Amino acid sequence: MKPDNPRFEWDNETQQHTEKSVKYESPPKTPNRVTYLRVPLHIWKLVALRYDVPMPEHITVTEFGEALGFWAWVMAHPEIPIILTEGEKKAGCLLTLGFVAIALPGIWNGRVGQEDFERLHPDLVPMAQKGRKYTTHIPHPQLSHSKETDIFST
């Protein structure tokens, strides 16, 4: 959630608020999750055309327009590349253009653990398949804007 009136970050060392506001909030004591957006049938068709991968014959579409099974279909086809990006808006934009995109909750949240032992975020593990190409698109000064990566080296 993006608050209308954000609070300011707390500095544990000085025991004071900093001048930096908290841009996004999430419920306390809940882990950050990766977002696999719901995909309507017309977007699934765009992705299938872009990568020349056949769609299943029978696809159920919910009353809300979600085409069920999209992510299982992507998982079954490691030849379809995936873009990892920060935030649902960027992932949604990429999906509407026919690219498969997964939203990370922040620039470092494709991984979990401590500095001495980091591992791939559990929500990404099902898509970590041999041969799958990943591109990260994370606008941050410390990271390249578009970098091809091998998910097994993360």
C-alpha atoms as a PDB file:
ATOM      1  CA  MET A   1       0.000   0.000   0.000  1.00  0.00           C
ATOM      2  CA  LYS A   2       1.208   3.481  -0.790  1.00  0.00           C
ATOM      3  CA  PRO A   3       0.031   5.812   2.033  1.00  0.00           C
ATOM      4  CA  ASP A   4      -1.348   9.297   1.357  1.00  0.00           C
ATOM      5  CA  ASN A   5       0.607  10.616   4.349  1.00  0.00           C
ATOM      6  CA  PRO A   6       3.707   8.440   4.710  1.00  0.00           C
ATOM      7  CA  ARG A   7       5.541   8.075   7.998  1.00  0.00           C
ATOM      8  CA  PHE A   8       9.262   8.707   8.248  1.00  0.00           C
ATOM      9  CA  GLU A   9      11.887   5.991   8.654  1.00  0.00           C
ATOM     10  CA  TRP A  10      13.340   5.403  12.111  1.00  0.00           C
ATOM     11  CA  ASP A  11      17.084   5.453  12.690  1.00  0.00           C
ATOM     12  CA  ASN A  12      17.956   2.920  15.420  1.00  0.00           C
ATOM     13  CA  GLU A  13      21.383   4.467  15.950  1.00  0.00           C
ATOM     14  CA  THR A  14      20.228   8.040  16.586  1.00  0.00           C
ATOM     15  CA  GLN A  15      16.801   6.994  17.943  1.00  0.00           C
ATOM     16  CA  GLN A  16      15.171   9.644  15.754  1.00  0.00           C
ATOM     17  CA  HIS A  17      13.082   9.821  12.612  1.00  0.00           C
ATOM     18  CA  THR A  18      15.033  10.393   9.422  1.00  0.00           C
ATOM     19  CA  GLU A  19      14.021  12.769   6.632  1.00  0.00           C
ATOM     20  CA  LYS A  20      13.292   9.804   4.348  1.00  0.00           C
ATOM     21  CA  SER A  21       9.639   8.803   4.111  1.00  0.00           C
ATOM     22  CA  VAL A  22       8.447   5.206   3.848  1.00  0.00           C
ATOM     23  CA  LYS A  23       7.136   4.939   0.283  1.00  0.00           C
ATOM     24  CA  TYR A  24       5.216   1.655   0.652  1.00  0.00           C
ATOM     25  CA  GLU A  25       3.732  -0.093   3.665  1.00  0.00           C
ATOM     26  CA  SER A  26       2.802  -3.724   4.212  1.00  0.00           C
ATOM     27  CA  PRO A  27       1.154  -5.446   7.174  1.00  0.00           C
ATOM     28  CA  PRO A  28       3.559  -5.877  10.102  1.00  0.00           C
ATOM     29  CA  LYS A  29       5.282  -9.223  10.606  1.00  0.00           C
ATOM     30  CA  THR A  30       4.242 -10.536   7.185  1.00  0.00           C
ATOM     31  CA  PRO A  31       6.841 -11.634   4.631  1.00  0.00           C
ATOM     32  CA  ASN A  32       7.157  -9.856   1.317  1.00  0.00           C
ATOM     33  CA  ARG A  33       5.688 -11.890  -1.522  1.00  0.00           C
ATOM     34  CA  VAL A  34       6.358 -12.070  -5.234  1.00  0.00           C
ATOM     35  CA  THR A  35       3.295 -11.200  -7.349  1.00  0.00           C
ATOM     36  CA  TYR A  36       2.057 -13.372 -10.189  1.00  0.00           C
ATOM     37  CA  LEU A  37      -0.655 -11.167 -11.683  1.00  0.00           C
ATOM     38  CA  ARG A  38      -3.977 -12.549 -12.881  1.00  0.00           C
ATOM     39  CA  VAL A  39      -3.931 -12.760 -16.662  1.00  0.00           C
ATOM     40  CA  PRO A  40      -6.932 -12.441 -18.991  1.00  0.00           C
ATOM     41  CA  LEU A  41      -7.250 -14.617 -22.086  1.00  0.00           C
ATOM     42  CA  HIS A  42      -6.320 -11.871 -24.572  1.00  0.00           C
ATOM     43  CA  ILE A  43      -2.987 -11.301 -22.766  1.00  0.00           C
ATOM     44  CA  TRP A  44      -2.295 -15.063 -22.706  1.00  0.00           C
ATOM     45  CA  LYS A  45      -2.858 -15.080 -26.483  1.00  0.00           C
ATOM     46  CA  LEU A  46      -0.356 -12.213 -26.900  1.00  0.00           C
ATOM     47  CA  VAL A  47       2.291 -14.122 -24.947  1.00  0.00           C
ATOM     48  CA  ALA A  48       1.622 -17.334 -26.882  1.00  0.00           C
ATOM     49  CA  LEU A  49       1.978 -15.470 -30.206  1.00  0.00           C
ATOM     50  CA  ARG A  50       5.118 -13.617 -29.135  1.00  0.00           C
ATOM     51  CA  TYR A  51       6.931 -16.845 -28.212  1.00  0.00           C
ATOM     52  CA  ASP A  52       5.194 -19.163 -30.697  1.00  0.00           C
ATOM     53  CA  VAL A  53       4.063 -21.544 -27.945  1.00  0.00           C
ATOM     54  CA  PRO A  54       0.709 -23.321 -28.376  1.00  0.00           C
ATOM     55  CA  MET A  55      -1.998 -22.655 -25.810  1.00  0.00           C
ATOM     56  CA  PRO A  56      -4.043 -25.414 -24.179  1.00  0.00           C
ATOM     57  CA  GLU A  57      -7.267 -26.286 -26.013  1.00  0.00           C
ATOM     58  CA  HIS A  58      -9.559 -25.729 -23.047  1.00  0.00           C
ATOM     59  CA  ILE A  59      -9.020 -22.675 -20.864  1.00  0.00           C
ATOM     60  CA  THR A  60     -11.433 -21.688 -18.115  1.00  0.00           C
ATOM     61  CA  VAL A  61     -12.096 -17.962 -17.765  1.00  0.00           C
ATOM     62  CA  THR A  62     -13.553 -16.781 -14.461  1.00  0.00           C
ATOM     63  CA  GLU A  63     -16.426 -14.329 -14.151  1.00  0.00           C
ATOM     64  CA  PHE A  64     -13.771 -11.699 -13.376  1.00  0.00           C
ATOM     65  CA  GLY A  65     -11.918 -12.372 -16.645  1.00  0.00           C
ATOM     66  CA  GLU A  66      -8.955 -14.340 -15.323  1.00  0.00           C
ATOM     67  CA  ALA A  67      -7.766 -17.130 -17.628  1.00  0.00           C
ATOM     68  CA  LEU A  68      -6.942 -19.933 -15.203  1.00  0.00           C
ATOM     69  CA  GLY A  69      -3.733 -21.863 -15.718  1.00  0.00           C
ATOM     70  CA  PHE A  70      -1.570 -19.157 -17.293  1.00  0.00           C
ATOM     71  CA  TRP A  71       1.302 -19.466 -14.806  1.00  0.00           C
ATOM     72  CA  ALA A  72       1.217 -23.283 -14.893  1.00  0.00           C
ATOM     73  CA  TRP A  73       1.445 -23.022 -18.699  1.00  0.00           C
ATOM     74  CA  VAL A  74       4.447 -20.675 -18.406  1.00  0.00           C
ATOM     75  CA  MET A  75       6.071 -23.081 -15.944  1.00  0.00           C
ATOM     76  CA  ALA A  76       5.528 -25.950 -18.406  1.00  0.00           C
ATOM     77  CA  HIS A  77       7.359 -24.012 -21.145  1.00  0.00           C
ATOM     78  CA  PRO A  78      10.864 -23.006 -20.015  1.00  0.00           C
ATOM     79  CA  GLU A  79      11.488 -21.634 -23.509  1.00  0.00           C
ATOM     80  CA  ILE A  80       9.343 -18.634 -22.512  1.00  0.00           C
ATOM     81  CA  PRO A  81      11.645 -16.005 -20.953  1.00  0.00           C
ATOM     82  CA  ILE A  82      10.574 -14.177 -17.804  1.00  0.00           C
ATOM     83  CA  ILE A  83      11.194 -10.574 -16.811  1.00  0.00           C
ATOM     84  CA  LEU A  84      11.608  -9.889 -13.101  1.00  0.00           C
ATOM     85  CA  THR A  85      10.712  -6.322 -12.249  1.00  0.00           C
ATOM     86  CA  GLU A  86      10.070  -4.194  -9.207  1.00  0.00           C
ATOM     87  CA  GLY A  87       6.372  -3.592  -8.637  1.00  0.00           C
ATOM     88  CA  GLU A  88       3.040  -4.706  -9.990  1.00  0.00           C
ATOM     89  CA  LYS A  89       2.546  -1.717 -12.317  1.00  0.00           C
ATOM     90  CA  LYS A  90       5.682  -2.496 -14.320  1.00  0.00           C
ATOM     91  CA  ALA A  91       4.835  -6.206 -14.464  1.00  0.00           C
ATOM     92  CA  GLY A  92       1.288  -5.404 -15.617  1.00  0.00           C
ATOM     93  CA  CYS A  93       2.565  -3.083 -18.322  1.00  0.00           C
ATOM     94  CA  LEU A  94       4.960  -5.728 -19.629  1.00  0.00           C
ATOM     95  CA  LEU A  95       2.228  -8.387 -19.614  1.00  0.00           C
ATOM     96  CA  THR A  96      -0.062  -6.145 -21.685  1.00  0.00           C
ATOM     97  CA  LEU A  97       2.730  -6.006 -24.276  1.00  0.00           C
ATOM     98  CA  GLY A  98       2.942  -9.806 -24.395  1.00  0.00           C
ATOM     99  CA  PHE A  99       5.998 -10.285 -22.160  1.00  0.00           C
ATOM    100  CA  VAL A 100       5.874 -12.594 -19.155  1.00  0.00           C
ATOM    101  CA  ALA A 101       6.690 -10.524 -16.079  1.00  0.00           C
ATOM    102  CA  ILE A 102       6.746 -11.283 -12.368  1.00  0.00           C
ATOM    103  CA  ALA A 103       6.579  -8.438  -9.845  1.00  0.00           C
ATOM    104  CA  LEU A 104       9.118  -8.371  -7.038  1.00  0.00           C
ATOM    105  CA  PRO A 105       8.142  -6.454  -3.881  1.00  0.00           C
ATOM    106  CA  GLY A 106      11.397  -4.465  -3.968  1.00  0.00           C
ATOM    107  CA  ILE A 107      14.788  -4.432  -5.647  1.00  0.00           C
ATOM    108  CA  TRP A 108      16.296  -7.011  -3.275  1.00  0.00           C
ATOM    109  CA  ASN A 109      13.220  -9.166  -2.726  1.00  0.00           C
ATOM    110  CA  GLY A 110      13.889 -11.829  -5.310  1.00  0.00           C
ATOM    111  CA  ARG A 111      15.944 -13.397  -2.562  1.00  0.00           C
ATOM    112  CA  VAL A 112      15.568 -14.192   1.123  1.00  0.00           C
ATOM    113  CA  GLY A 113      17.927 -14.892   4.002  1.00  0.00           C
ATOM    114  CA  GLN A 114      20.795 -13.096   5.647  1.00  0.00           C
ATOM    115  CA  GLU A 115      23.970 -11.705   4.108  1.00  0.00           C
ATOM    116  CA  ASP A 116      25.883 -14.869   4.986  1.00  0.00           C
ATOM    117  CA  PHE A 117      23.290 -17.156   3.370  1.00  0.00           C
ATOM    118  CA  GLU A 118      20.922 -15.825   0.724  1.00  0.00           C
ATOM    119  CA  ARG A 119      18.720 -17.939  -1.508  1.00  0.00           C
ATOM    120  CA  LEU A 120      16.096 -17.516  -4.170  1.00  0.00           C
ATOM    121  CA  HIS A 121      12.727 -16.303  -2.887  1.00  0.00           C
ATOM    122  CA  PRO A 122      10.488 -19.381  -2.409  1.00  0.00           C
ATOM    123  CA  ASP A 123       7.788 -17.824  -4.619  1.00  0.00           C
ATOM    124  CA  LEU A 124      10.249 -17.850  -7.549  1.00  0.00           C
ATOM    125  CA  VAL A 125      11.499 -21.419  -7.076  1.00  0.00           C
ATOM    126  CA  PRO A 126       8.780 -23.051  -9.259  1.00  0.00           C
ATOM    127  CA  MET A 127       9.934 -20.942 -12.227  1.00  0.00           C
ATOM    128  CA  ALA A 128      13.650 -21.675 -11.719  1.00  0.00           C
ATOM    129  CA  GLN A 129      14.000 -24.208 -14.492  1.00  0.00           C
ATOM    130  CA  LYS A 130      16.989 -25.284 -16.492  1.00  0.00           C
ATOM    131  CA  GLY A 131      17.110 -23.423 -19.776  1.00  0.00           C
ATOM    132  CA  ARG A 132      14.760 -20.595 -18.800  1.00  0.00           C
ATOM    133  CA  LYS A 133      16.071 -17.116 -19.614  1.00  0.00           C
ATOM    134  CA  TYR A 134      15.498 -14.306 -17.137  1.00  0.00           C
ATOM    135  CA  THR A 135      15.848 -10.585 -17.536  1.00  0.00           C
ATOM    136  CA  THR A 136      15.748  -8.231 -14.602  1.00  0.00           C
ATOM    137  CA  HIS A 137      14.349  -4.770 -15.120  1.00  0.00           C
ATOM    138  CA  ILE A 138      14.885  -2.884 -11.907  1.00  0.00           C
ATOM    139  CA  PRO A 139      15.363   0.879 -12.053  1.00  0.00           C
ATOM    140  CA  HIS A 140      17.976   1.436  -9.358  1.00  0.00           C
ATOM    141  CA  PRO A 141      21.305   3.275  -9.558  1.00  0.00           C
ATOM    142  CA  GLN A 142      23.260   0.320  -8.121  1.00  0.00           C
ATOM    143  CA  LEU A 143      21.855  -2.180 -10.622  1.00  0.00           C
ATOM    144  CA  SER A 144      21.883  -2.262 -14.394  1.00  0.00           C
ATOM    145  CA  HIS A 145      18.533  -1.341 -15.938  1.00  0.00           C
ATOM    146  CA  SER A 146      18.281  -4.481 -17.990  1.00  0.00           C
ATOM    147  CA  LYS A 147      20.563  -7.392 -17.269  1.00  0.00           C
ATOM    148  CA  GLU A 148      20.260 -10.977 -18.456  1.00  0.00           C
ATOM    149  CA  THR A 149      20.777 -13.333 -15.560  1.00  0.00           C
ATOM    150  CA  ASP A 150      20.953 -17.020 -14.867  1.00  0.00           C
ATOM    151  CA  ILE A 151      18.533 -17.702 -12.045  1.00  0.00           C
ATOM    152  CA  PHE A 152      20.635 -20.622 -10.818  1.00  0.00           C
ATOM    153  CA  SER A 153      23.534 -18.304 -10.003  1.00  0.00           C
ATOM    154  CA  THR A 154      21.442 -16.120  -7.686  1.00  0.00           C
END
